[in-house]
Amino acid sequence: MRAVLVEEFGGPEVLQVVELDTPEPGAGEVTIDVAYVGVNFADLQARSIGYRVPGLPFVPGLELSGRIRALGAGVEGFTVGQHVAAITEGGAYAEIVRAKAATVFPVPEGVDLRTAATLPTVLPTAYALVNTVGRVQPGETVLVQAAAGGVGTVVGQVAKLSGAGAVYGVVSSAAKADYARKLGYDDAFLTDTFDADVRAATGGRGVDLVLDPVGGETMRRSLETLALFGRLVSFGNASGEPAWQVGQPELYPRGRSISGFSILSLTATEPQVLREIASRAFELVTSGKVELPITAEFPLAEAVGAHRLMGGRTSTGKLILAV
């Protein structure tokens, strides 16, 4: 089978299309004939710095859609040929993937496999950030960093559905700001000035909830945009900056709080909780309440191009690979 292999960490050019042996499912596993793969920023970090990679060589990729190829011992509830979406711990950039049955989901009725590739990580992440961890209350204000990216595209819509009074986005360019507004953000601010813009938009009060996948200095500035008793959820460190230390001086005076979320950690440690969150999240797509725009598609053999586009920080929405 064809797969994209990384034998050394580096730029997009280290992604090589090779022939590998076809995997067979073990106990509690399935194999899937892959149709589409979702491209995530975590894939770029895996390729460049070894993020969540146990060792070299490895096949990147965390989410996919396709058809069940074979069932391992003890697997129930799936049939060969069934359309599914899956989260993996790597290995999705391939024609055939082995996955734990606990992190494989039937594709909801009415959803095609192309769209299904965007569901496994993005939608449950967005749902959990807003409802499970962020606990948005009716009328509250929300600020979303990287609002034009894969999760950002969806999380603003989910926040509105959950009753948020106003949802603001932070982006890196005027074009991305226009894109975010078209997808339902009340307004979108540029990275350089977002903290001042938030104060102006809220009459100096600040926002109740910040969702931040960027980390570093952006996270520090985001914390300062919080209203009294405001909450910040960190779900990534796309900036690559050293982890920022937060303590009593930043949190005590205005009763602020910080929490974290990782869909990949949940996949590894609490797959049943993941299934519950995913089930509720997928309903938003089948009901037509949430739009997941795919803005670029590349063949598997051109994964290099997908990584270059996402790494250039000019992309919006979701990128996928067609297998």
Protein backbone atom coordinates (compact mmCIF):
# COMPACT_ATOMS: atom_id res chain seq x y z
CA MET A 1 0.00 0.00 0.00
CA ARG A 2 1.05 3.63 -0.47
CA ALA A 3 1.77 5.77 2.58
CA VAL A 4 3.55 9.00 3.44
CA LEU A 5 6.62 8.28 5.56
CA VAL A 6 8.80 10.59 7.66
CA GLU A 7 12.33 9.26 8.23
CA GLU A 8 13.80 12.47 9.65
CA PHE A 9 12.32 15.57 11.23
CA GLY A 10 12.30 18.68 9.09
CA GLY A 11 10.33 20.72 6.57
CA PRO A 12 7.56 19.51 4.26
CA GLU A 13 10.13 17.99 1.93
CA VAL A 14 10.75 15.12 4.39
CA LEU A 15 7.30 13.70 3.55
CA GLN A 16 7.98 10.76 1.22
CA VAL A 17 5.46 8.55 -0.57
CA VAL A 18 6.53 4.92 -0.16
CA GLU A 19 5.17 1.37 -0.36
CA LEU A 20 4.55 -0.32 2.99
CA ASP A 21 3.11 -3.66 4.05
CA THR A 22 -0.65 -3.80 4.42
CA PRO A 23 -1.59 -3.75 8.14
CA GLU A 24 -3.83 -6.38 9.70
CA PRO A 25 -6.15 -5.63 12.63
CA GLY A 26 -5.28 -6.90 16.09
CA ALA A 27 -7.72 -7.60 18.90
CA GLY A 28 -10.04 -4.65 19.42
CA GLU A 29 -8.91 -3.05 16.16
CA VAL A 30 -10.17 -2.55 12.62
CA THR A 31 -8.48 -1.76 9.35
CA ILE A 32 -9.93 0.94 7.11
CA ASP A 33 -9.60 1.59 3.38
CA VAL A 34 -8.97 5.32 3.58
CA ALA A 35 -10.93 7.75 1.43
CA TYR A 36 -9.85 11.11 2.89
CA VAL A 37 -7.48 12.36 5.58
CA GLY A 38 -7.88 15.54 7.59
CA VAL A 39 -4.72 17.65 7.81
CA ASN A 40 -4.06 19.20 11.22
CA PHE A 41 -1.45 21.56 12.60
CA ALA A 42 -0.41 18.72 14.92
CA ASP A 43 0.71 16.85 11.78
CA LEU A 44 3.09 19.69 10.98
CA GLN A 45 4.46 19.64 14.52
CA ALA A 46 4.92 15.87 14.35
CA ARG A 47 6.85 16.20 11.09
CA SER A 48 9.02 19.11 12.22
CA ILE A 49 9.69 18.54 15.93
CA GLY A 50 8.37 15.06 16.72
CA TYR A 51 5.22 16.14 18.56
CA ARG A 52 3.58 13.01 20.03
CA VAL A 53 5.80 10.79 17.87
CA PRO A 54 7.25 7.71 19.61
CA GLY A 55 10.13 7.39 17.14
CA LEU A 56 11.35 7.46 13.55
CA PRO A 57 10.30 6.50 10.94
CA PHE A 58 6.58 7.17 11.20
CA VAL A 59 3.48 7.82 9.10
CA PRO A 60 1.73 11.06 10.17
CA GLY A 61 -1.99 11.77 10.32
CA LEU A 62 -4.59 11.73 13.09
CA GLU A 63 -8.02 11.64 11.43
CA LEU A 64 -9.55 9.99 8.40
CA SER A 65 -12.68 8.68 6.73
CA GLY A 66 -13.14 5.50 4.74
CA ARG A 67 -14.67 2.03 4.68
CA ILE A 68 -14.13 -0.81 7.12
CA ARG A 69 -11.77 -3.33 5.51
CA ALA A 70 -11.46 -5.98 8.24
CA LEU A 71 -12.41 -6.54 11.88
CA GLY A 72 -10.06 -7.74 14.60
CA ALA A 73 -10.95 -10.19 17.33
CA GLY A 74 -13.63 -8.99 19.72
CA VAL A 75 -14.81 -6.06 17.60
CA GLU A 76 -18.56 -5.61 17.49
CA GLY A 77 -20.87 -2.98 16.05
CA PHE A 78 -19.09 -2.59 12.70
CA THR A 79 -19.40 -4.36 9.36
CA VAL A 80 -17.01 -4.71 6.45
CA GLY A 81 -17.64 -1.92 3.94
CA GLN A 82 -19.27 0.38 6.49
CA HIS A 83 -18.51 4.09 6.14
CA VAL A 84 -16.59 5.35 9.17
CA ALA A 85 -14.49 8.20 10.48
CA ALA A 86 -11.63 7.63 12.90
CA ILE A 87 -9.08 9.24 15.17
CA THR A 88 -5.71 7.52 15.22
CA GLU A 89 -2.51 7.99 17.17
CA GLY A 90 -0.71 8.50 13.86
CA GLY A 91 -0.59 6.65 10.57
CA ALA A 92 -3.55 8.20 8.74
CA TYR A 93 -1.55 9.33 5.68
CA ALA A 94 -1.93 5.93 4.04
CA GLU A 95 -4.22 3.89 1.81
CA ILE A 96 -5.02 1.43 4.61
CA VAL A 97 -4.99 2.29 8.32
CA ARG A 98 -5.24 0.21 11.48
CA ALA A 99 -7.25 1.88 14.24
CA LYS A 100 -8.62 1.05 17.67
CA ALA A 101 -12.32 0.30 17.32
CA ALA A 102 -12.99 2.53 20.35
CA THR A 103 -11.97 5.60 18.34
CA VAL A 104 -13.82 4.70 15.12
CA PHE A 105 -17.23 6.26 14.49
CA PRO A 106 -19.98 5.38 12.01
CA VAL A 107 -20.44 8.21 9.54
CA PRO A 108 -23.76 9.95 10.30
CA GLU A 109 -26.51 9.45 7.75
CA GLY A 110 -26.44 12.09 5.04
CA VAL A 111 -22.74 12.92 5.52
CA ASP A 112 -20.39 12.00 2.66
CA LEU A 113 -16.90 10.60 3.23
CA ARG A 114 -15.22 13.82 2.15
CA THR A 115 -17.00 15.81 4.84
CA ALA A 116 -16.59 12.94 7.32
CA ALA A 117 -12.81 13.36 7.27
CA THR A 118 -13.24 16.73 8.96
CA LEU A 119 -15.34 15.36 11.83
CA PRO A 120 -13.18 13.22 14.14
CA THR A 121 -10.93 15.87 15.74
CA VAL A 122 -12.36 19.26 14.82
CA LEU A 123 -16.00 18.90 15.78
CA PRO A 124 -15.55 17.09 19.13
CA THR A 125 -12.80 19.56 20.02
CA ALA A 126 -15.05 22.53 19.26
CA TYR A 127 -17.96 21.01 21.18
CA ALA A 128 -15.81 20.17 24.22
CA LEU A 129 -14.13 23.59 24.30
CA VAL A 130 -17.47 25.37 24.39
CA ASN A 131 -19.66 23.03 26.41
CA THR A 132 -17.58 20.53 28.39
CA VAL A 133 -14.54 22.56 29.44
CA GLY A 134 -15.48 26.17 28.67
CA ARG A 135 -19.07 25.77 29.96
CA VAL A 136 -20.45 28.72 28.03
CA GLN A 137 -23.53 30.27 29.64
CA PRO A 138 -26.30 32.13 27.77
CA GLY A 139 -25.29 35.69 26.98
CA GLU A 140 -21.59 35.27 27.70
CA THR A 141 -18.90 36.69 25.41
CA VAL A 142 -16.25 34.46 23.83
CA LEU A 143 -12.89 35.20 22.20
CA VAL A 144 -11.37 32.59 19.85
CA GLN A 145 -7.72 32.67 18.81
CA ALA A 146 -6.90 31.35 15.29
CA ALA A 147 -10.53 31.89 14.36
CA ALA A 148 -10.03 31.13 10.65
CA GLY A 149 -8.37 27.75 11.17
CA GLY A 150 -9.95 24.30 11.26
CA VAL A 151 -11.21 24.39 14.86
CA GLY A 152 -11.71 28.15 14.82
CA THR A 153 -14.00 27.90 11.82
CA VAL A 154 -16.34 25.61 13.75
CA VAL A 155 -15.99 26.68 17.38
CA GLY A 156 -17.49 30.12 16.78
CA GLN A 157 -20.61 28.51 15.31
CA VAL A 158 -20.85 26.07 18.24
CA ALA A 159 -20.52 28.91 20.75
CA LYS A 160 -23.39 30.78 19.13
CA LEU A 161 -25.56 27.64 19.17
CA SER A 162 -24.77 27.25 22.87
CA GLY A 163 -26.13 30.70 23.65
CA ALA A 164 -23.08 32.97 23.59
CA GLY A 165 -24.12 36.59 23.33
CA ALA A 166 -21.13 37.66 21.23
CA VAL A 167 -18.26 35.71 19.72
CA TYR A 168 -15.08 37.46 18.60
CA GLY A 169 -12.21 35.97 16.63
CA VAL A 170 -8.50 36.73 16.38
CA VAL A 171 -6.72 36.21 13.06
CA SER A 172 -3.47 37.15 11.34
CA SER A 173 -4.75 39.08 8.31
CA ALA A 174 -7.60 41.23 7.05
CA ALA A 175 -8.59 38.51 4.57
CA LYS A 176 -8.93 35.99 7.39
CA ALA A 177 -10.95 38.51 9.39
CA ASP A 178 -13.44 38.78 6.52
CA TYR A 179 -13.58 34.98 6.32
CA ALA A 180 -14.31 34.67 10.05
CA ARG A 181 -17.10 37.24 9.90
CA LYS A 182 -18.77 35.37 7.03
CA LEU A 183 -18.83 32.26 9.23
CA GLY A 184 -20.73 34.00 12.02
CA TYR A 185 -18.18 35.80 14.18
CA ASP A 186 -19.58 39.10 15.44
CA ASP A 187 -16.20 40.66 14.71
CA ALA A 188 -12.63 39.56 14.06
CA PHE A 189 -9.49 41.34 15.26
CA LEU A 190 -5.88 41.20 14.11
CA THR A 191 -3.24 39.54 16.28
CA ASP A 192 -1.24 42.74 16.79
CA THR A 193 -4.12 44.70 18.33
CA PHE A 194 -6.66 42.16 19.58
CA ASP A 195 -6.32 42.98 23.27
CA ALA A 196 -7.10 46.66 22.73
CA ASP A 197 -9.85 45.74 20.26
CA VAL A 198 -11.52 43.43 22.82
CA ARG A 199 -11.55 46.17 25.43
CA ALA A 200 -13.10 48.56 22.91
CA ALA A 201 -15.73 46.03 21.76
CA THR A 202 -16.77 45.17 25.32
CA GLY A 203 -16.70 48.67 26.77
CA GLY A 204 -13.65 47.77 28.85
CA ARG A 205 -15.33 44.78 30.52
CA GLY A 206 -13.47 42.00 28.69
CA VAL A 207 -14.75 38.58 27.63
CA ASP A 208 -16.03 35.70 29.74
CA LEU A 209 -14.20 32.93 27.88
CA VAL A 210 -11.06 32.74 25.75
CA LEU A 211 -10.23 29.66 23.65
CA ASP A 212 -6.52 29.62 22.80
CA PRO A 213 -4.56 27.13 20.64
CA VAL A 214 -1.60 29.50 20.17
CA GLY A 215 0.09 29.70 23.59
CA GLY A 216 3.12 31.77 24.50
CA GLU A 217 2.81 35.54 24.48
CA THR A 218 -0.60 35.32 22.79
CA MET A 219 -1.93 33.33 25.72
CA ARG A 220 -0.57 35.88 28.18
CA ARG A 221 -2.26 38.72 26.31
CA SER A 222 -5.46 36.66 26.03
CA LEU A 223 -5.57 36.26 29.80
CA GLU A 224 -5.57 40.03 30.15
CA THR A 225 -8.70 40.31 28.00
CA LEU A 226 -10.76 38.29 30.49
CA ALA A 227 -13.57 39.90 32.43
CA LEU A 228 -14.01 39.46 36.17
CA PHE A 229 -14.17 35.69 36.88
CA GLY A 230 -13.31 34.99 33.23
CA ARG A 231 -12.03 31.62 31.99
CA LEU A 232 -9.33 30.65 29.50
CA VAL A 233 -9.05 27.23 27.88
CA SER A 234 -5.66 26.37 26.37
CA PHE A 235 -5.79 23.66 23.69
CA GLY A 236 -2.49 23.98 21.85
CA ASN A 237 0.83 25.75 21.51
CA ALA A 238 0.94 26.59 17.81
CA SER A 239 3.36 29.46 18.52
CA GLY A 240 6.06 26.99 19.51
CA GLU A 241 7.07 29.34 22.31
CA PRO A 242 8.16 28.00 25.71
CA ALA A 243 5.27 27.18 28.04
CA TRP A 244 4.17 30.29 29.91
CA GLN A 245 4.04 30.04 33.69
CA VAL A 246 0.84 31.34 35.28
CA GLY A 247 0.35 31.78 39.01
CA GLN A 248 -1.29 33.72 41.79
CA PRO A 249 -0.39 37.24 40.56
CA GLU A 250 -2.21 36.70 37.25
CA LEU A 251 -5.23 34.79 38.57
CA TYR A 252 -6.10 36.00 42.07
CA PRO A 253 -6.92 39.71 41.62
CA ARG A 254 -9.84 39.19 39.19
CA GLY A 255 -10.74 35.58 39.95
CA ARG A 256 -9.61 34.29 36.58
CA SER A 257 -9.12 30.60 35.83
CA ILE A 258 -7.26 28.52 33.25
CA SER A 259 -7.96 24.99 32.07
CA GLY A 260 -6.71 22.79 29.25
CA PHE A 261 -7.99 20.33 26.67
CA SER A 262 -6.45 17.82 24.25
CA ILE A 263 -8.57 15.66 21.97
CA LEU A 264 -5.58 13.34 21.44
CA SER A 265 -5.08 12.81 25.16
CA LEU A 266 -8.79 12.10 25.55
CA THR A 267 -8.56 9.61 22.69
CA ALA A 268 -5.75 7.75 24.44
CA THR A 269 -7.06 7.81 28.01
CA GLU A 270 -10.86 8.15 27.93
CA PRO A 271 -12.19 6.83 24.60
CA GLN A 272 -15.70 6.33 26.00
CA VAL A 273 -15.90 9.99 27.03
CA LEU A 274 -14.65 10.90 23.56
CA ARG A 275 -17.47 8.84 22.01
CA GLU A 276 -20.06 10.63 24.12
CA ILE A 277 -18.74 14.06 23.15
CA ALA A 278 -18.40 13.05 19.48
CA SER A 279 -21.96 11.72 19.39
CA ARG A 280 -23.36 15.06 20.55
CA ALA A 281 -21.02 17.00 18.30
CA PHE A 282 -21.85 15.02 15.15
CA GLU A 283 -25.54 15.84 15.63
CA LEU A 284 -24.70 19.47 14.86
CA VAL A 285 -23.58 18.46 11.36
CA THR A 286 -26.43 16.10 10.58
CA SER A 287 -28.92 18.76 11.69
CA GLY A 288 -27.30 21.30 9.37
CA LYS A 289 -26.60 23.69 12.24
CA VAL A 290 -22.83 23.75 11.73
CA GLU A 291 -20.85 24.20 8.51
CA LEU A 292 -17.40 22.64 8.09
CA PRO A 293 -15.89 24.28 5.01
CA ILE A 294 -13.15 22.38 3.20
CA THR A 295 -11.00 25.01 1.53
CA ALA A 296 -8.25 22.91 -0.09
CA GLU A 297 -7.83 19.29 -1.21
CA PHE A 298 -4.59 17.56 -2.20
CA PRO A 299 -3.90 14.02 -3.43
CA LEU A 300 -2.07 11.83 -0.90
CA ALA A 301 1.05 12.03 -3.07
CA GLU A 302 1.04 15.82 -2.69
CA ALA A 303 0.94 15.96 1.10
CA VAL A 304 3.99 18.23 0.85
CA GLY A 305 1.80 20.91 -0.74
CA ALA A 306 -0.81 20.66 2.01
CA HIS A 307 1.86 21.09 4.68
CA ARG A 308 3.39 24.07 2.87
CA LEU A 309 0.00 25.76 2.58
CA MET A 310 -0.88 25.24 6.23
CA GLY A 311 2.63 26.12 7.39
CA GLY A 312 2.49 29.39 5.50
CA ARG A 313 -0.32 30.50 7.85
CA THR A 314 -2.40 31.74 4.90
CA SER A 315 -4.92 28.88 4.81
CA THR A 316 -8.45 29.04 6.17
CA GLY A 317 -10.95 26.34 7.06
CA LYS A 318 -10.04 22.67 6.69
CA LEU A 319 -7.42 21.03 4.46
CA ILE A 320 -7.77 17.39 3.41
CA LEU A 321 -5.89 14.71 1.48
CA ALA A 322 -7.75 12.57 -1.05
CA VAL A 323 -6.60 8.96 -0.91
